[in-house]
Protein backbone atom coordinates (compact mmCIF):
# COMPACT_ATOMS: atom_id res chain seq x y z
CA MET A 1 255.49 203.97 -115.04
CA PRO A 2 252.50 206.10 -116.27
CA THR A 3 254.23 209.34 -115.26
CA SER A 4 257.17 208.93 -117.66
CA ALA A 5 256.28 211.65 -120.17
CA GLY A 6 257.30 211.12 -123.78
CA MET A 7 258.00 207.40 -123.40
CA ASP A 8 256.23 204.64 -125.31
CA LEU A 9 254.88 202.73 -122.33
CA ARG A 10 253.46 199.26 -122.93
CA VAL A 11 252.09 196.28 -121.06
CA GLY A 12 251.77 192.76 -122.38
CA ASN A 13 254.08 193.72 -125.29
CA LYS A 14 251.25 195.02 -127.46
CA TYR A 15 249.16 197.42 -125.35
CA ARG A 16 250.31 201.05 -125.32
CA ILE A 17 249.38 203.18 -122.29
CA GLY A 18 247.78 206.57 -122.96
CA ARG A 19 246.14 209.21 -120.78
CA LYS A 20 244.46 208.57 -117.46
CA ILE A 21 240.67 208.30 -117.79
CA GLY A 22 239.49 207.25 -114.35
CA SER A 23 240.03 205.54 -111.02
CA GLY A 24 238.65 202.39 -109.44
CA SER A 25 238.61 201.13 -105.87
CA PHE A 26 242.20 199.93 -106.04
CA GLY A 27 243.84 201.44 -109.10
CA ASP A 28 243.92 204.02 -111.87
CA ILE A 29 242.51 203.44 -115.35
CA TYR A 30 244.20 204.54 -118.57
CA LEU A 31 243.18 204.67 -122.19
CA GLY A 32 245.22 202.15 -124.12
CA THR A 33 245.75 200.98 -127.69
CA ASN A 34 246.42 197.55 -129.14
CA ILE A 35 249.44 198.41 -131.33
CA ILE A 36 248.70 195.49 -133.65
CA SER A 37 244.98 196.04 -134.33
CA GLY A 38 244.69 199.72 -133.39
CA GLU A 39 241.76 198.91 -131.11
CA GLU A 40 241.31 201.14 -128.06
CA ILE A 41 241.15 199.36 -124.72
CA ALA A 42 241.27 200.21 -121.01
CA ILE A 43 244.29 199.49 -118.82
CA LYS A 44 243.96 199.38 -115.04
CA LEU A 45 247.21 199.78 -113.10
CA GLU A 46 248.01 199.07 -109.47
CA SER A 47 251.36 199.52 -107.74
CA VAL A 48 252.97 196.23 -106.71
CA LYS A 49 253.70 198.00 -103.42
CA ALA A 50 250.00 198.59 -102.70
CA LYS A 51 249.16 197.88 -99.08
CA HIS A 52 246.25 195.64 -100.06
CA PRO A 53 246.78 194.53 -103.70
CA GLN A 54 243.50 193.58 -105.34
CA LEU A 55 244.01 193.72 -109.10
CA GLU A 56 245.08 190.11 -109.62
CA TYR A 57 242.05 188.97 -107.65
CA GLU A 58 239.78 191.27 -109.65
CA ALA A 59 241.18 189.89 -112.92
CA ARG A 60 240.40 186.35 -111.74
CA VAL A 61 236.85 187.41 -110.87
CA TYR A 62 236.31 188.90 -114.33
CA LYS A 63 237.58 185.72 -115.98
CA SER A 64 235.29 183.57 -113.82
CA ILE A 65 232.20 185.50 -114.99
CA ALA A 66 233.38 186.10 -118.56
CA GLY A 67 230.54 185.94 -121.07
CA GLY A 68 227.91 187.18 -118.63
CA VAL A 69 225.55 189.92 -119.76
CA GLY A 70 227.08 193.31 -119.03
CA ILE A 71 230.53 191.98 -118.07
CA PRO A 72 233.60 193.48 -119.79
CA PHE A 73 236.20 191.07 -121.16
CA VAL A 74 239.73 190.96 -119.68
CA ARG A 75 242.33 190.65 -122.45
CA TRP A 76 245.48 190.32 -120.34
CA PHE A 77 246.82 190.49 -116.81
CA GLY A 78 250.44 190.65 -115.68
CA THR A 79 253.15 192.66 -113.99
CA GLU A 80 255.22 195.30 -115.77
CA CYS A 81 257.98 197.18 -113.92
CA ASP A 82 256.42 198.21 -110.61
CA TYR A 83 252.79 197.79 -111.64
CA ASN A 84 250.19 195.07 -111.89
CA ALA A 85 248.24 195.67 -115.09
CA MET A 86 244.85 194.48 -116.32
CA VAL A 87 243.82 195.08 -119.93
CA MET A 88 240.08 195.01 -120.60
CA ASP A 89 237.31 196.30 -122.86
CA LEU A 90 237.02 200.06 -123.14
CA LEU A 91 233.65 201.22 -121.86
CA GLY A 92 231.70 204.47 -121.82
CA PRO A 93 230.67 206.82 -118.99
CA SER A 94 229.20 205.63 -115.70
CA LEU A 95 225.60 206.30 -114.70
CA GLU A 96 226.94 208.79 -112.14
CA ASP A 97 228.83 210.61 -114.92
CA LEU A 98 225.68 210.72 -117.04
CA PHE A 99 223.55 211.88 -114.11
CA ASN A 100 225.96 214.79 -113.65
CA PHE A 101 225.97 215.41 -117.41
CA CYS A 102 222.19 215.85 -117.18
CA ASN A 103 222.74 218.52 -114.49
CA ARG A 104 221.65 215.99 -111.83
CA ASN A 105 218.05 216.20 -113.01
CA THR A 106 216.07 213.15 -111.98
CA PHE A 107 215.78 210.69 -114.85
CA THR A 108 212.45 210.65 -116.69
CA PRO A 109 210.14 207.76 -115.70
CA SER A 110 210.24 205.92 -119.04
CA HIS A 111 214.04 205.94 -119.16
CA LEU A 112 214.44 205.07 -115.50
CA PHE A 113 212.01 202.13 -115.73
CA MET A 114 213.77 200.96 -118.90
CA TYR A 115 217.06 200.84 -116.97
CA VAL A 116 215.54 199.29 -113.84
CA SER A 117 213.68 196.55 -115.69
CA SER A 118 216.81 195.48 -117.58
CA SER A 119 219.34 195.90 -114.77
CA VAL A 120 222.24 193.54 -114.29
CA TYR A 121 222.20 191.84 -110.89
CA PRO A 122 225.85 190.94 -110.12
CA SER A 123 224.94 188.09 -107.75
CA GLU A 124 222.83 186.55 -110.54
CA LEU A 125 225.78 186.25 -112.91
CA SER A 126 226.47 182.67 -111.84
CA CYS A 127 223.16 181.75 -113.46
CA ARG A 128 223.80 183.65 -116.70
CA THR A 129 227.42 182.91 -117.61
CA PRO A 130 228.35 180.13 -120.06
CA GLN A 131 229.74 178.10 -117.13
CA PRO A 132 226.87 178.26 -114.60
CA ASP A 133 228.27 175.40 -112.50
CA THR A 134 231.61 177.09 -111.90
CA ILE A 135 231.67 177.72 -108.18
CA THR A 136 233.90 180.79 -108.54
CA ASN A 137 230.97 182.51 -110.26
CA HIS A 138 228.98 182.67 -107.03
CA LEU A 139 229.79 186.25 -106.10
CA VAL A 140 228.39 189.30 -104.41
CA GLN A 141 229.81 192.55 -105.74
CA ARG A 142 229.67 194.40 -102.39
CA ASP A 143 230.08 197.90 -103.83
CA ILE A 144 226.88 198.64 -105.75
CA LYS A 145 226.82 202.33 -106.72
CA PRO A 146 226.13 204.44 -109.85
CA ASP A 147 229.87 204.77 -110.55
CA ASN A 148 230.14 200.99 -111.03
CA PHE A 149 227.45 200.77 -113.71
CA VAL A 150 228.83 201.98 -117.03
CA MET A 151 227.48 202.14 -120.55
CA GLY A 152 229.10 200.35 -123.46
CA ILE A 153 230.42 202.07 -126.57
CA GLY A 154 229.74 201.70 -130.28
CA LYS A 155 227.28 198.93 -131.12
CA ARG A 156 226.95 198.14 -127.41
CA GLY A 157 226.30 201.73 -126.41
CA ASN A 158 222.92 200.86 -124.84
CA GLN A 159 224.26 197.99 -122.70
CA VAL A 160 224.68 198.66 -118.98
CA ASN A 161 227.84 196.97 -117.68
CA VAL A 162 229.00 196.17 -114.15
CA ILE A 163 232.61 196.97 -113.22
CA ASP A 164 234.99 197.11 -110.25
CA PHE A 165 234.97 193.65 -108.67
CA GLY A 166 237.92 194.33 -106.37
CA LEU A 167 235.66 193.97 -103.32
CA ALA A 168 233.62 191.03 -104.64
CA LYS A 169 233.36 187.91 -102.50
CA LYS A 170 232.08 184.37 -102.96
CA TYR A 171 228.83 183.64 -101.19
CA ARG A 172 229.39 179.89 -101.54
CA ASP A 173 232.32 177.95 -100.14
CA PRO A 174 234.39 176.75 -103.15
CA LYS A 175 235.08 173.39 -101.46
CA THR A 176 231.77 172.45 -99.82
CA HIS A 177 229.51 174.40 -102.21
CA PHE A 178 227.51 175.47 -99.16
CA HIS A 179 226.48 179.05 -98.54
CA ILE A 180 229.03 180.95 -96.45
CA PRO A 181 228.15 181.08 -92.73
CA TYR A 182 226.37 183.97 -91.08
CA ARG A 183 228.84 186.24 -89.29
CA GLU A 184 228.66 189.50 -87.39
CA ASN A 185 231.06 192.28 -86.35
CA LYS A 186 232.24 192.84 -89.92
CA ASN A 187 233.61 196.20 -91.02
CA LEU A 188 231.59 198.13 -93.59
CA THR A 189 232.71 197.15 -97.08
CA GLY A 190 231.56 199.28 -100.00
CA THR A 191 230.03 202.76 -100.16
CA ALA A 192 228.05 203.85 -97.10
CA ARG A 193 225.46 205.82 -99.09
CA TYR A 194 224.22 202.66 -100.86
CA ALA A 195 225.10 200.02 -98.24
CA SER A 196 222.32 197.79 -96.92
CA ILE A 197 221.12 198.14 -93.34
CA ASN A 198 222.58 194.74 -92.45
CA THR A 199 225.95 195.83 -93.80
CA HIS A 200 225.81 198.85 -91.49
CA LEU A 201 224.97 196.48 -88.62
CA GLY A 202 228.15 194.50 -89.29
CA VAL A 203 226.52 191.41 -90.79
CA GLU A 204 228.40 189.40 -93.43
CA GLN A 205 227.17 190.42 -96.89
CA SER A 206 225.24 188.05 -99.13
CA ARG A 207 223.03 188.31 -102.21
CA ARG A 208 220.32 190.22 -100.38
CA ASP A 209 222.69 193.11 -99.72
CA ASP A 210 223.51 193.69 -103.40
CA ILE A 211 219.77 193.71 -104.08
CA GLU A 212 219.04 196.28 -101.37
CA SER A 213 221.95 198.48 -102.49
CA LEU A 214 220.64 198.44 -106.05
CA GLY A 215 217.28 199.63 -104.71
CA TYR A 216 218.99 202.68 -103.22
CA VAL A 217 220.63 203.37 -106.58
CA PHE A 218 217.20 203.29 -108.25
CA LEU A 219 215.79 205.71 -105.68
CA TYR A 220 218.82 207.99 -105.99
CA PHE A 221 217.99 208.44 -109.67
CA CYS A 222 214.27 208.83 -108.88
CA ARG A 223 214.69 211.42 -106.16
CA GLY A 224 217.91 213.14 -107.19
CA SER A 225 219.39 212.45 -103.74
CA LEU A 226 218.88 210.21 -100.72
CA PRO A 227 217.78 211.43 -97.26
CA TRP A 228 221.09 210.40 -95.66
CA GLN A 229 223.27 212.47 -98.00
CA GLY A 230 225.01 215.52 -96.59
CA LEU A 231 224.99 214.37 -92.96
CA LYS A 232 227.79 215.91 -90.92
CA ALA A 233 229.96 214.09 -88.37
CA THR A 234 233.36 214.38 -86.75
CA THR A 235 234.66 210.90 -87.63
CA LYS A 236 233.97 208.39 -90.37
CA LYS A 237 232.43 205.97 -87.86
CA GLN A 238 230.09 208.66 -86.55
CA LYS A 239 229.07 209.50 -90.10
CA TYR A 240 228.40 205.84 -90.91
CA ASP A 241 226.33 205.57 -87.73
CA ARG A 242 224.28 208.64 -88.69
CA ILE A 243 223.68 207.24 -92.18
CA MET A 244 222.59 203.90 -90.70
CA GLU A 245 220.24 205.61 -88.25
CA LYS A 246 218.65 207.66 -91.03
CA LYS A 247 218.17 204.56 -93.20
CA MET A 248 216.61 202.61 -90.37
CA THR A 249 214.26 205.40 -89.28
CA THR A 250 213.08 206.50 -92.74
CA PRO A 251 209.93 204.45 -93.54
CA THR A 252 209.87 202.81 -96.96
CA GLU A 253 206.66 204.66 -97.86
CA VAL A 254 208.41 207.97 -97.11
CA LEU A 255 211.53 207.03 -99.06
CA CYS A 256 209.42 206.00 -102.07
CA ARG A 257 206.73 208.69 -101.75
CA GLY A 258 205.68 210.15 -105.08
CA PHE A 259 206.91 207.17 -107.09
CA PRO A 260 205.15 204.01 -108.28
CA ASN A 261 204.45 201.45 -105.58
CA GLU A 262 206.80 199.00 -107.30
CA PHE A 263 209.81 200.76 -105.76
CA ALA A 264 208.47 200.19 -102.24
CA ILE A 265 207.64 196.58 -103.15
CA TYR A 266 211.21 196.09 -104.40
CA LEU A 267 212.83 197.58 -101.30
CA ASN A 268 210.57 195.74 -98.85
CA TYR A 269 211.31 192.49 -100.69
CA ALA A 270 215.07 193.09 -100.50
CA ARG A 271 214.92 193.88 -96.79
CA SER A 272 212.80 190.81 -96.06
CA LEU A 273 215.31 188.33 -97.50
CA ARG A 274 217.13 186.05 -95.10
CA PHE A 275 220.91 185.79 -95.12
CA ASP A 276 221.15 182.73 -97.40
CA ASP A 277 218.00 183.32 -99.49
CA LYS A 278 218.29 183.31 -103.26
CA PRO A 279 216.59 186.46 -104.60
CA ASP A 280 213.91 185.93 -107.22
CA TYR A 281 215.56 187.96 -109.97
CA SER A 282 212.82 187.18 -112.49
CA TYR A 283 210.19 188.52 -110.10
CA LEU A 284 212.15 191.73 -109.50
CA ARG A 285 212.45 192.36 -113.24
CA LYS A 286 208.82 191.47 -113.86
CA ILE A 287 207.37 194.01 -111.42
CA PHE A 288 209.16 196.82 -113.25
CA ARG A 289 208.53 195.43 -116.73
CA ASP A 290 204.82 195.19 -115.93
CA LEU A 291 204.95 198.79 -114.71
CA PHE A 292 206.74 199.81 -117.90
CA VAL A 293 204.03 198.22 -120.05
CA ARG A 294 201.19 199.55 -117.89
CA GLU A 295 202.50 203.10 -118.31
CA GLY A 296 202.57 202.62 -122.09
CA PHE A 297 206.33 203.09 -122.43
CA GLN A 298 208.46 201.54 -125.17
CA TYR A 299 211.98 200.11 -125.12
CA ASP A 300 213.49 202.68 -127.47
CA TYR A 301 216.85 202.72 -125.61
CA VAL A 302 217.02 206.49 -126.02
CA PHE A 303 218.16 207.50 -122.55
CA ASP A 304 217.98 210.91 -120.85
CA TRP A 305 221.60 211.73 -121.59
CA THR A 306 220.99 211.14 -125.31
CA VAL A 307 218.03 213.53 -125.25
CA TYR A 308 219.93 216.06 -123.14
CA LYS A 309 222.94 215.99 -125.47
CA TYR A 310 220.64 216.51 -128.47
CA GLN A 311 218.94 219.43 -126.71
CA LYS A 312 222.26 221.06 -125.83
CA ASN A 313 223.36 220.81 -129.45
CA ALA A 314 220.00 222.11 -130.69
CA ASN A 315 220.08 224.99 -128.21
CA ALA A 316 223.61 225.93 -129.26
CA ILE A 317 222.62 225.94 -132.94
CA ALA A 318 219.46 227.97 -132.25
CA GLN A 319 221.42 230.48 -130.19
CA ALA A 320 224.03 230.87 -132.92
CA GLN A 321 221.28 231.44 -135.49
CA ARG A 322 219.66 234.11 -133.32
CA GLN A 323 223.00 235.83 -132.87
CA ASP A 324 223.53 235.85 -136.62
CA LYS A 325 220.18 237.58 -137.08
CA THR A 326 220.29 240.07 -134.22
CA GLU A 327 224.01 240.30 -133.42
CA THR A 328 222.85 240.20 -129.81
CA PRO A 329 223.64 237.24 -127.57
CA ALA A 330 220.54 235.22 -126.76
CA GLU A 331 219.70 233.60 -123.45
CA PRO A 332 220.21 229.82 -123.62
CA SER A 333 217.08 227.68 -123.57
CA GLY A 334 216.29 225.86 -120.35
CA SER A 335 216.47 222.13 -119.83
CA ARG A 336 213.45 220.05 -120.60
CA TYR A 337 213.54 218.74 -117.05
CA PRO A 338 213.42 220.84 -113.86
CA ARG A 339 216.77 221.17 -112.16
CA ARG A 340 216.86 220.42 -108.46
CA ASN A 341 219.33 221.73 -105.93
CA GLN A 342 221.22 218.69 -104.73
CA PRO A 343 223.83 218.26 -102.02
CA PRO A 344 227.32 217.65 -103.42
CA PRO A 345 228.07 213.97 -104.18
CA GLU A 346 229.63 212.07 -101.30
CA LYS A 347 232.09 209.26 -101.64
């Protein structure tokens, strides 16, 4: 359906499909327009012939956590022609996009701590949605990575949102309300770079694993890369095994060296949780908020990418002015932050 050039393609009668703007775990995302209001929205499409269709399940997950902080709203779900379609809020770039936009420079401490101390914990959403007793809210996202944290747009441009719940799973049984049982020999679900050690070991994922994965995301932005990036192997299994070995043999103090002790405290806490433990989300936020205050930072919500964009514009204007005066091209000004040579991103 999306490849039919020149046609007015719609879903749900009132949502027009535009250009492709991204991809998720189980589908492609298109810019769309509400033909009645003119509002721009996002449309995620999945072939009905997909080997493992996930979009209907993902739409149900979004609806179960609707109203939670940092959760986009699903406007419509249905099937059109040969595609399942989900219409939802249009959001901005992902944190991975913005990291690349900033030339993969490590984020400045004040901006990183501002993000960390206000992060959305997906497994906490059951406590923060308008229907906290709804059992379907008890979810682990199972694919925590920078690509799945995206900024809002317009008035919500400073809000970090969580997306891509196609791999999410309930950590409580919907009938008994008990925590799901401990299981082993599970295949790795999610992205190996940010997966918890227990996930590598084949243990069923629970809330602790989302917490540990988020810690690796924080350190990725601190360091610019993680020690297990760029490892070579012949097969995917061998590569996953090498990543697991590197994670298990890299001491926390080495992984967090050069950064405030709070990052080591966070990671050690995440790794110490038992399978069915409920993480203390308030404690995790508090250790970083206290650090933020101790360092004298302020919640100005001016992130690195905002500063970098301003600098690029200012540099371009300054260069144009110099050219007008000298008629000789000027060398562009350098970034405010040192650029580091990083290995290419791995998926």
